[in-house]
Amino acid sequence: MTSPLSIHDPLFFDDDDQSIGEVRNSQFTEDEILGRMECLGMIHAFVTPFVLNAAIKLRVFDIVAHAAIPPTAEEIMAKISSSSSFAATAPAATPQLGVLRRILRFLSQRKVLRHVSRDDGHVGYALTGISTWLVRSRARSDYLAPLLAMEMHARCQASWQRLHEVVLDGGDAFDRANGNYFWDTGRHDAQFNRVVNDAMIAFSTATMSLVLESYRGFAGIRRLVDVGGGMGHSVAKIVEAYPQIQGVNYDLSHVITTAPKIQGVEHVSGDMFESVPAADAIFIKSVLHNWDDEHCVKLLNNCYRALPQDGKLIIVDIIYKSSDTFAALEANLDMIMLAYTTGGQERTPNEWEELLISCGFGGITFHTNMPTKEGVIEAYKMVELRDDEQERISRL
């Protein structure tokens, strides 16, 4: 047990040199006081996405990206005030430069923007590796703001208020808050359907570009079905890189009806829990983590039936490792699955293996050395499993 702080024990950071100062006769231990600071940081973590949302609506990142030199706060404010969108939404407004300065200071502290000393003596703002993904003029697939827009949507926000009820009585927090399951809501709410589709494009397409730079397993495939492929952007990337592939984008009818025409890709509507179109390879990206094991088994069994002997299953999804570079992001995504889905979860390598082997897939290989948070899992429709896979299935 940690002893109470004495007069000489370190405690707070000094504003001048960031060293830890002293506290006299504290009733708290050092761990408790530092823990309080950590706890406050967690409680107030909600601030960042709301400030990002405000900056996106004000076009701050677009203005910085298009400026000839890093713009000052005054120059950013002038661009905001002169924009047509500002005039339409707030024609009688009085721009508040002081408020903008505080937002810019926050974004700089979070390393979303950076200060640049200009030759004229003024300090301007420039993009960082974070804010480049929030510039609206980037290719749509590279623009992450739609993902933030989905997380800020009232339906998603309401789900978090019901998370504790899932612990007490099971079920689905999103359904409890909205009266519909996440993936069914788009059937009757066209606006939410657009928000989700745009978010899935933002979430997926840049990832596919990175996957295709590192993974070569699509070579030799003639017909590829992308199960739960949304608007078809992932399979489009694959077909672009491997023109010999006949691509099939397979998803629910209310998704497919809004999907754009894509050369080399056929859009097919249906329910993946009922059947999957036949192909010599099946691709599933960021779908299985949305569902519990029971639903995943239904889907994987349908994939097994749709494949020829030795047909390939390619999964791009989180491979949960609590100690790698993306551990915090993986943990956040696992909680998102808990809030928005019925039994969705991020799975460890062992959990993935058990799931796949139970459905008759073998030859399982994990490709985790990827420049993205997801990994690639290869599996095959097997007559005979490897010895280690036979041993694994005997224990299921």
Protein backbone atom coordinates (compact mmCIF):
# COMPACT_ATOMS: atom_id res chain seq x y z
CA MET A 1 0.00 0.00 0.00
CA THR A 2 1.27 3.47 -0.88
CA SER A 3 1.98 5.64 2.16
CA PRO A 4 0.51 9.14 2.53
CA LEU A 5 2.54 11.98 1.06
CA SER A 6 5.01 13.73 3.30
CA ILE A 7 6.15 17.33 3.07
CA HIS A 8 8.90 16.34 0.60
CA ASP A 9 6.85 14.05 -1.67
CA PRO A 10 6.34 15.17 -5.29
CA LEU A 11 2.83 16.00 -6.37
CA PHE A 12 1.82 18.63 -8.89
CA PHE A 13 3.45 19.86 -12.09
CA ASP A 14 4.83 23.36 -11.83
CA ASP A 15 3.59 25.64 -14.64
CA ASP A 16 7.04 27.07 -15.36
CA ASP A 17 9.24 23.99 -15.76
CA GLN A 18 6.70 21.12 -15.76
CA SER A 19 8.50 19.57 -12.80
CA ILE A 20 6.45 18.09 -9.99
CA GLY A 21 6.09 20.36 -6.99
CA GLU A 22 5.39 19.68 -3.30
CA VAL A 23 2.30 19.42 -1.16
CA ARG A 24 2.33 19.77 2.62
CA ASN A 25 0.53 17.29 4.85
CA SER A 26 -1.63 15.84 2.08
CA GLN A 27 -4.34 13.39 3.17
CA PHE A 28 -4.02 11.66 -0.22
CA THR A 29 -1.36 9.36 -1.61
CA GLU A 30 0.60 10.30 -4.72
CA ASP A 31 -1.16 7.54 -6.67
CA GLU A 32 -4.54 8.93 -5.62
CA ILE A 33 -3.79 12.48 -6.68
CA LEU A 34 -2.17 11.52 -9.97
CA GLY A 35 -5.08 9.11 -10.47
CA ARG A 36 -7.50 11.98 -9.94
CA MET A 37 -5.81 13.89 -12.76
CA GLU A 38 -6.08 10.82 -15.01
CA CYS A 39 -9.72 10.40 -14.05
CA LEU A 40 -10.52 14.02 -14.88
CA GLY A 41 -8.80 13.56 -18.23
CA MET A 42 -10.99 10.56 -18.99
CA ILE A 43 -14.18 12.35 -17.92
CA HIS A 44 -13.38 15.34 -20.11
CA ALA A 45 -12.19 13.28 -23.11
CA PHE A 46 -15.59 13.94 -24.73
CA VAL A 47 -14.42 17.51 -25.43
CA THR A 48 -12.11 16.59 -28.32
CA PRO A 49 -14.67 15.16 -30.78
CA PHE A 50 -17.05 18.06 -30.12
CA VAL A 51 -14.31 20.63 -30.82
CA LEU A 52 -13.27 18.72 -33.95
CA ASN A 53 -16.89 18.80 -35.08
CA ALA A 54 -17.06 22.55 -34.56
CA ALA A 55 -13.82 23.10 -36.49
CA ILE A 56 -15.08 20.97 -39.39
CA LYS A 57 -18.36 22.92 -39.54
CA LEU A 58 -16.35 26.16 -39.56
CA ARG A 59 -14.13 24.75 -42.37
CA VAL A 60 -11.01 25.51 -40.33
CA PHE A 61 -9.00 22.61 -41.77
CA ASP A 62 -10.02 23.44 -45.36
CA ILE A 63 -9.01 27.07 -44.87
CA VAL A 64 -5.62 26.11 -43.46
CA ALA A 65 -5.05 23.53 -46.22
CA HIS A 66 -5.78 25.99 -49.05
CA ALA A 67 -3.90 29.02 -47.66
CA ALA A 68 -0.77 30.11 -49.54
CA ILE A 69 1.03 30.53 -46.22
CA PRO A 70 0.00 29.32 -42.73
CA PRO A 71 -2.92 31.62 -41.86
CA THR A 72 -3.25 33.54 -38.61
CA ALA A 73 -6.36 33.36 -36.45
CA GLU A 74 -7.52 36.67 -37.95
CA GLU A 75 -7.10 35.35 -41.49
CA ILE A 76 -8.97 32.15 -40.66
CA MET A 77 -11.77 34.21 -39.12
CA ALA A 78 -11.97 36.41 -42.24
CA LYS A 79 -12.34 33.32 -44.46
CA ILE A 80 -15.03 31.86 -42.20
CA SER A 81 -16.97 35.15 -42.20
CA SER A 82 -16.81 35.54 -45.98
CA SER A 83 -17.91 32.01 -46.84
CA SER A 84 -21.28 31.50 -48.51
CA SER A 85 -22.26 28.86 -45.96
CA PHE A 86 -21.65 31.30 -43.10
CA ALA A 87 -23.75 33.97 -44.82
CA ALA A 88 -26.59 31.50 -45.37
CA THR A 89 -26.68 30.10 -41.83
CA ALA A 90 -25.80 33.18 -39.80
CA PRO A 91 -26.45 36.33 -41.88
CA ALA A 92 -26.75 38.61 -38.85
CA ALA A 93 -24.02 36.97 -36.76
CA THR A 94 -21.11 38.79 -35.17
CA PRO A 95 -17.92 36.67 -35.56
CA GLN A 96 -16.09 36.08 -32.27
CA LEU A 97 -12.33 36.06 -32.89
CA GLY A 98 -11.57 35.39 -29.23
CA VAL A 99 -13.62 32.18 -29.28
CA LEU A 100 -11.89 31.01 -32.46
CA ARG A 101 -8.47 31.67 -30.86
CA ARG A 102 -9.37 29.40 -27.95
CA ILE A 103 -10.47 26.64 -30.32
CA LEU A 104 -7.24 26.98 -32.31
CA ARG A 105 -5.23 26.88 -29.10
CA PHE A 106 -7.01 23.67 -28.09
CA LEU A 107 -6.40 22.08 -31.50
CA SER A 108 -2.72 23.02 -31.34
CA GLN A 109 -2.38 21.57 -27.86
CA ARG A 110 -3.91 18.32 -29.16
CA LYS A 111 -1.47 18.37 -32.12
CA VAL A 112 -4.34 18.61 -34.58
CA LEU A 113 -2.81 21.90 -35.79
CA ARG A 114 0.68 23.30 -35.29
CA HIS A 115 2.07 26.81 -34.91
CA VAL A 116 4.32 28.15 -37.66
CA SER A 117 6.42 31.33 -37.37
CA ARG A 118 6.00 33.33 -40.58
CA ASP A 119 8.54 35.62 -42.24
CA ASP A 120 6.32 38.63 -41.51
CA GLY A 121 6.61 37.98 -37.77
CA HIS A 122 3.10 36.60 -37.34
CA VAL A 123 2.28 33.10 -36.11
CA GLY A 124 0.12 31.01 -38.43
CA TYR A 125 -1.43 27.55 -38.28
CA ALA A 126 -0.56 24.49 -40.35
CA LEU A 127 -1.98 21.01 -40.71
CA THR A 128 -0.51 17.95 -38.98
CA GLY A 129 -0.75 14.27 -39.77
CA ILE A 130 -4.04 14.26 -37.85
CA SER A 131 -5.82 17.16 -39.52
CA THR A 132 -4.88 16.15 -43.08
CA TRP A 133 -7.61 13.50 -42.72
CA LEU A 134 -10.18 16.19 -41.91
CA VAL A 135 -9.73 18.32 -45.04
CA ARG A 136 -12.95 18.20 -47.03
CA SER A 137 -11.27 18.53 -50.43
CA ARG A 138 -9.46 15.21 -50.05
CA ALA A 139 -10.82 12.28 -52.02
CA ARG A 140 -14.09 11.27 -50.38
CA SER A 141 -12.65 7.91 -49.35
CA ASP A 142 -9.84 9.61 -47.42
CA TYR A 143 -12.05 12.08 -45.53
CA LEU A 144 -12.70 10.94 -41.96
CA ALA A 145 -15.18 13.63 -40.95
CA PRO A 146 -18.19 11.46 -41.96
CA LEU A 147 -17.11 8.93 -39.36
CA LEU A 148 -17.12 11.67 -36.73
CA ALA A 149 -20.54 12.79 -37.98
CA MET A 150 -21.93 9.30 -37.35
CA GLU A 151 -20.50 9.17 -33.83
CA MET A 152 -22.01 12.62 -33.14
CA HIS A 153 -25.45 11.58 -34.44
CA ALA A 154 -28.18 11.66 -31.80
CA ARG A 155 -29.00 7.97 -32.31
CA CYS A 156 -25.42 6.91 -31.58
CA GLN A 157 -25.01 9.33 -28.69
CA ALA A 158 -28.19 8.00 -27.08
CA SER A 159 -26.85 4.43 -27.15
CA TRP A 160 -24.10 5.23 -24.65
CA GLN A 161 -26.69 6.31 -22.09
CA ARG A 162 -28.09 2.76 -22.10
CA LEU A 163 -24.82 0.81 -21.99
CA HIS A 164 -25.17 -0.11 -18.32
CA GLU A 165 -28.52 -1.77 -19.05
CA VAL A 166 -26.76 -4.29 -21.30
CA VAL A 167 -24.69 -5.39 -18.31
CA LEU A 168 -27.79 -5.73 -16.14
CA ASP A 169 -30.12 -7.42 -18.59
CA GLY A 170 -28.35 -8.08 -21.91
CA GLY A 171 -29.71 -6.95 -25.22
CA ASP A 172 -28.59 -4.10 -27.42
CA ALA A 173 -27.92 -0.54 -26.19
CA PHE A 174 -28.64 0.99 -29.61
CA ASP A 175 -31.95 -0.87 -29.85
CA ARG A 176 -32.88 0.13 -26.29
CA ALA A 177 -32.24 3.79 -27.11
CA ASN A 178 -33.70 3.90 -30.63
CA GLY A 179 -36.23 1.08 -30.90
CA ASN A 180 -34.34 -0.54 -33.79
CA TYR A 181 -31.10 -2.40 -34.31
CA PHE A 182 -28.23 -0.34 -35.75
CA TRP A 183 -28.12 -2.09 -39.14
CA ASP A 184 -31.93 -2.06 -39.51
CA THR A 185 -32.44 1.64 -38.74
CA GLY A 186 -31.47 2.71 -42.25
CA ARG A 187 -34.49 0.87 -43.66
CA HIS A 188 -36.86 3.56 -42.38
CA ASP A 189 -34.51 6.48 -41.65
CA ALA A 190 -32.98 7.64 -44.95
CA GLN A 191 -30.93 10.38 -43.31
CA PHE A 192 -29.31 7.97 -40.86
CA ASN A 193 -28.74 5.52 -43.72
CA ARG A 194 -26.75 8.20 -45.58
CA VAL A 195 -24.78 9.06 -42.45
CA VAL A 196 -23.86 5.42 -41.84
CA ASN A 197 -22.99 4.75 -45.50
CA ASP A 198 -20.72 7.80 -45.63
CA ALA A 199 -19.09 6.78 -42.34
CA MET A 200 -18.45 3.24 -43.59
CA ILE A 201 -16.80 4.64 -46.73
CA ALA A 202 -14.62 6.88 -44.58
CA PHE A 203 -13.78 3.98 -42.27
CA SER A 204 -13.03 1.44 -44.98
CA THR A 205 -11.67 2.76 -48.23
CA ALA A 206 -8.36 4.24 -47.08
CA THR A 207 -7.83 1.05 -45.09
CA MET A 208 -8.26 -0.98 -48.28
CA SER A 209 -5.61 1.09 -50.04
CA LEU A 210 -3.19 0.33 -47.22
CA VAL A 211 -4.12 -3.37 -47.16
CA LEU A 212 -3.59 -3.70 -50.92
CA GLU A 213 -0.11 -2.22 -50.58
CA SER A 214 0.92 -5.05 -48.24
CA TYR A 215 -1.29 -8.07 -49.00
CA ARG A 216 -1.04 -10.06 -52.24
CA GLY A 217 -3.64 -12.76 -51.60
CA PHE A 218 -6.08 -11.61 -54.30
CA ALA A 219 -3.86 -12.84 -57.13
CA GLY A 220 -5.44 -15.69 -59.12
CA ILE A 221 -9.00 -15.04 -57.92
CA ARG A 222 -11.60 -14.94 -60.72
CA ARG A 223 -14.85 -14.18 -58.88
CA LEU A 224 -14.87 -12.43 -55.50
CA VAL A 225 -17.93 -11.71 -53.36
CA ASP A 226 -17.63 -8.88 -50.81
CA VAL A 227 -20.12 -9.83 -48.10
CA GLY A 228 -21.61 -6.81 -46.35
CA GLY A 229 -19.74 -4.60 -48.80
CA GLY A 230 -21.90 -1.51 -48.31
CA MET A 231 -21.57 0.91 -51.22
CA GLY A 232 -18.98 -1.29 -52.94
CA HIS A 233 -15.91 0.86 -52.42
CA SER A 234 -13.77 -1.92 -50.95
CA VAL A 235 -14.38 -4.43 -53.73
CA ALA A 236 -13.90 -1.59 -56.24
CA LYS A 237 -10.40 -1.04 -54.86
CA ILE A 238 -9.66 -4.75 -55.16
CA VAL A 239 -10.94 -4.97 -58.76
CA GLU A 240 -8.95 -1.88 -59.68
CA ALA A 241 -5.77 -3.53 -58.40
CA TYR A 242 -6.66 -6.98 -59.84
CA PRO A 243 -8.64 -6.38 -63.07
CA GLN A 244 -9.07 -10.12 -63.73
CA ILE A 245 -11.49 -10.33 -60.77
CA GLN A 246 -15.23 -10.25 -61.33
CA GLY A 247 -16.38 -8.38 -58.22
CA VAL A 248 -19.71 -8.83 -56.48
CA ASN A 249 -20.86 -6.37 -53.82
CA TYR A 250 -23.40 -8.12 -51.58
CA ASP A 251 -25.49 -6.25 -48.99
CA LEU A 252 -29.03 -5.50 -47.83
CA SER A 253 -31.45 -4.05 -50.38
CA HIS A 254 -31.72 -0.60 -48.77
CA VAL A 255 -27.94 -0.31 -49.01
CA ILE A 256 -27.59 -1.66 -52.55
CA THR A 257 -30.30 0.66 -53.93
CA THR A 258 -28.10 3.68 -53.16
CA ALA A 259 -24.80 2.13 -54.31
CA PRO A 260 -23.12 3.77 -57.33
CA LYS A 261 -22.33 1.98 -60.57
CA ILE A 262 -18.78 0.63 -60.45
CA GLN A 263 -16.94 -0.84 -63.42
CA GLY A 264 -16.16 -4.52 -62.87
CA VAL A 265 -18.52 -4.79 -59.86
CA GLU A 266 -22.02 -6.26 -59.76
CA HIS A 267 -24.30 -5.15 -56.92
CA VAL A 268 -26.41 -7.96 -55.47
CA SER A 269 -28.93 -7.56 -52.65
CA GLY A 270 -29.70 -10.21 -50.07
CA ASP A 271 -29.39 -11.31 -46.45
CA MET A 272 -25.99 -12.77 -45.58
CA PHE A 273 -27.55 -14.78 -42.75
CA GLU A 274 -29.72 -16.60 -45.28
CA SER A 275 -27.31 -17.15 -48.15
CA VAL A 276 -24.14 -15.89 -49.86
CA PRO A 277 -23.57 -15.82 -53.65
CA ALA A 278 -21.23 -18.48 -55.01
CA ALA A 279 -17.63 -17.50 -55.76
CA ASP A 280 -14.13 -18.94 -55.75
CA ALA A 281 -13.23 -16.48 -52.97
CA ILE A 282 -15.19 -14.53 -50.38
CA PHE A 283 -14.12 -11.26 -48.80
CA ILE A 284 -15.48 -9.95 -45.48
CA LYS A 285 -14.25 -6.61 -44.13
CA SER A 286 -15.24 -5.15 -40.76
CA VAL A 287 -18.46 -7.18 -40.67
CA LEU A 288 -17.91 -10.13 -38.35
CA HIS A 289 -16.94 -7.88 -35.45
CA ASN A 290 -20.48 -6.46 -35.57
CA TRP A 291 -22.04 -9.79 -34.54
CA ASP A 292 -22.02 -12.35 -31.77
CA ASP A 293 -20.60 -15.83 -32.33
CA GLU A 294 -24.02 -17.32 -33.16
CA HIS A 295 -24.60 -14.88 -36.04
CA CYS A 296 -20.99 -15.23 -37.19
CA VAL A 297 -21.39 -19.02 -37.39
CA LYS A 298 -24.52 -18.59 -39.56
CA LEU A 299 -22.66 -16.26 -41.90
CA LEU A 300 -19.50 -18.38 -42.05
CA ASN A 301 -21.53 -21.53 -42.72
CA ASN A 302 -23.17 -19.72 -45.65
CA CYS A 303 -19.72 -18.71 -46.89
CA TYR A 304 -18.56 -22.31 -46.58
CA ARG A 305 -21.48 -23.51 -48.73
CA ALA A 306 -20.85 -20.80 -51.33
CA LEU A 307 -17.17 -21.73 -51.83
CA PRO A 308 -15.70 -24.57 -53.90
CA GLN A 309 -13.36 -27.04 -52.24
CA ASP A 310 -10.18 -25.19 -51.21
CA GLY A 311 -11.98 -21.90 -51.85
CA LYS A 312 -10.49 -18.94 -50.03
CA LEU A 313 -12.04 -16.79 -47.33
CA ILE A 314 -10.32 -13.42 -46.78
CA ILE A 315 -11.25 -11.46 -43.66
CA VAL A 316 -10.06 -7.93 -42.90
CA ASP A 317 -10.86 -7.09 -39.30
CA ILE A 318 -9.41 -6.24 -35.92
CA ILE A 319 -7.19 -8.96 -34.47
CA TYR A 320 -7.32 -7.93 -30.82
CA LYS A 321 -3.97 -7.82 -29.06
CA SER A 322 -3.96 -5.89 -25.82
CA SER A 323 -0.28 -4.94 -26.03
CA ASP A 324 0.27 -3.69 -29.59
CA THR A 325 0.48 -0.16 -31.03
CA PHE A 326 -3.27 0.08 -31.60
CA ALA A 327 -4.35 -1.38 -28.23
CA ALA A 328 -6.22 1.76 -27.10
CA LEU A 329 -7.99 2.07 -30.46
CA GLU A 330 -8.92 -1.62 -30.40
CA ALA A 331 -10.33 -1.26 -26.89
CA ASN A 332 -12.41 1.75 -27.99
CA LEU A 333 -13.75 -0.17 -30.99
CA ASP A 334 -14.69 -3.08 -28.75
CA MET A 335 -16.77 -0.72 -26.61
CA ILE A 336 -18.37 0.74 -29.76
CA MET A 337 -19.40 -2.79 -30.74
CA LEU A 338 -20.90 -3.17 -27.28
CA ALA A 339 -22.90 0.06 -27.60
CA TYR A 340 -24.13 -0.25 -31.20
CA THR A 341 -24.49 -3.98 -31.88
CA THR A 342 -25.99 -7.16 -30.49
CA GLY A 343 -23.01 -9.14 -29.23
CA GLY A 344 -20.47 -7.58 -31.57
CA GLN A 345 -16.89 -7.72 -30.33
CA GLU A 346 -13.24 -7.51 -31.31
CA ARG A 347 -11.68 -10.99 -31.28
CA THR A 348 -8.26 -12.33 -30.34
CA PRO A 349 -6.33 -14.69 -32.67
CA ASN A 350 -7.50 -17.68 -30.62
CA GLU A 351 -11.12 -16.56 -30.81
CA TRP A 352 -10.87 -16.10 -34.58
CA GLU A 353 -9.35 -19.57 -34.99
CA GLU A 354 -12.03 -21.24 -32.90
CA LEU A 355 -14.78 -19.48 -34.84
CA LEU A 356 -13.37 -20.42 -38.25
CA ILE A 357 -12.46 -24.01 -37.39
CA SER A 358 -15.93 -24.64 -35.95
CA CYS A 359 -17.34 -23.79 -39.41
CA GLY A 360 -14.98 -26.12 -41.30
CA PHE A 361 -12.32 -23.62 -42.35
CA GLY A 362 -8.64 -24.49 -42.05
CA GLY A 363 -5.23 -23.40 -43.28
CA ILE A 364 -5.72 -20.27 -41.21
CA THR A 365 -3.06 -17.58 -41.53
CA PHE A 366 -2.90 -14.20 -39.80
CA HIS A 367 -1.28 -11.25 -41.57
CA THR A 368 -0.80 -8.64 -38.87
CA ASN A 369 2.21 -6.68 -40.10
CA MET A 370 -0.01 -4.15 -41.83
CA PRO A 371 0.13 -0.32 -41.96
CA THR A 372 -3.38 -0.17 -40.50
CA LYS A 373 -5.23 -1.20 -37.36
CA GLU A 374 -6.86 -4.20 -39.06
CA GLY A 375 -5.15 -7.43 -40.01
CA VAL A 376 -5.90 -9.95 -42.74
CA ILE A 377 -7.05 -13.49 -41.92
CA GLU A 378 -6.88 -16.15 -44.64
CA ALA A 379 -8.80 -19.41 -44.34
CA TYR A 380 -9.79 -22.19 -46.74
CA LYS A 381 -12.69 -24.59 -47.18
CA MET A 382 -10.88 -27.75 -46.17
CA VAL A 383 -11.45 -31.49 -46.45
CA GLU A 384 -8.75 -32.10 -43.86
CA LEU A 385 -7.58 -29.66 -41.22
CA ARG A 386 -4.00 -29.27 -40.07
CA ASP A 387 -3.04 -31.33 -37.02
CA ASP A 388 -3.13 -28.27 -34.75
CA GLU A 389 -6.53 -27.32 -36.14
CA GLN A 390 -7.84 -30.87 -35.60
CA GLU A 391 -6.65 -30.67 -32.02
CA ARG A 392 -8.34 -27.28 -31.58
CA ILE A 393 -11.69 -28.47 -32.95
CA SER A 394 -11.61 -31.56 -30.71
CA ARG A 395 -11.58 -29.22 -27.71
CA LEU A 396 -14.54 -27.09 -28.90
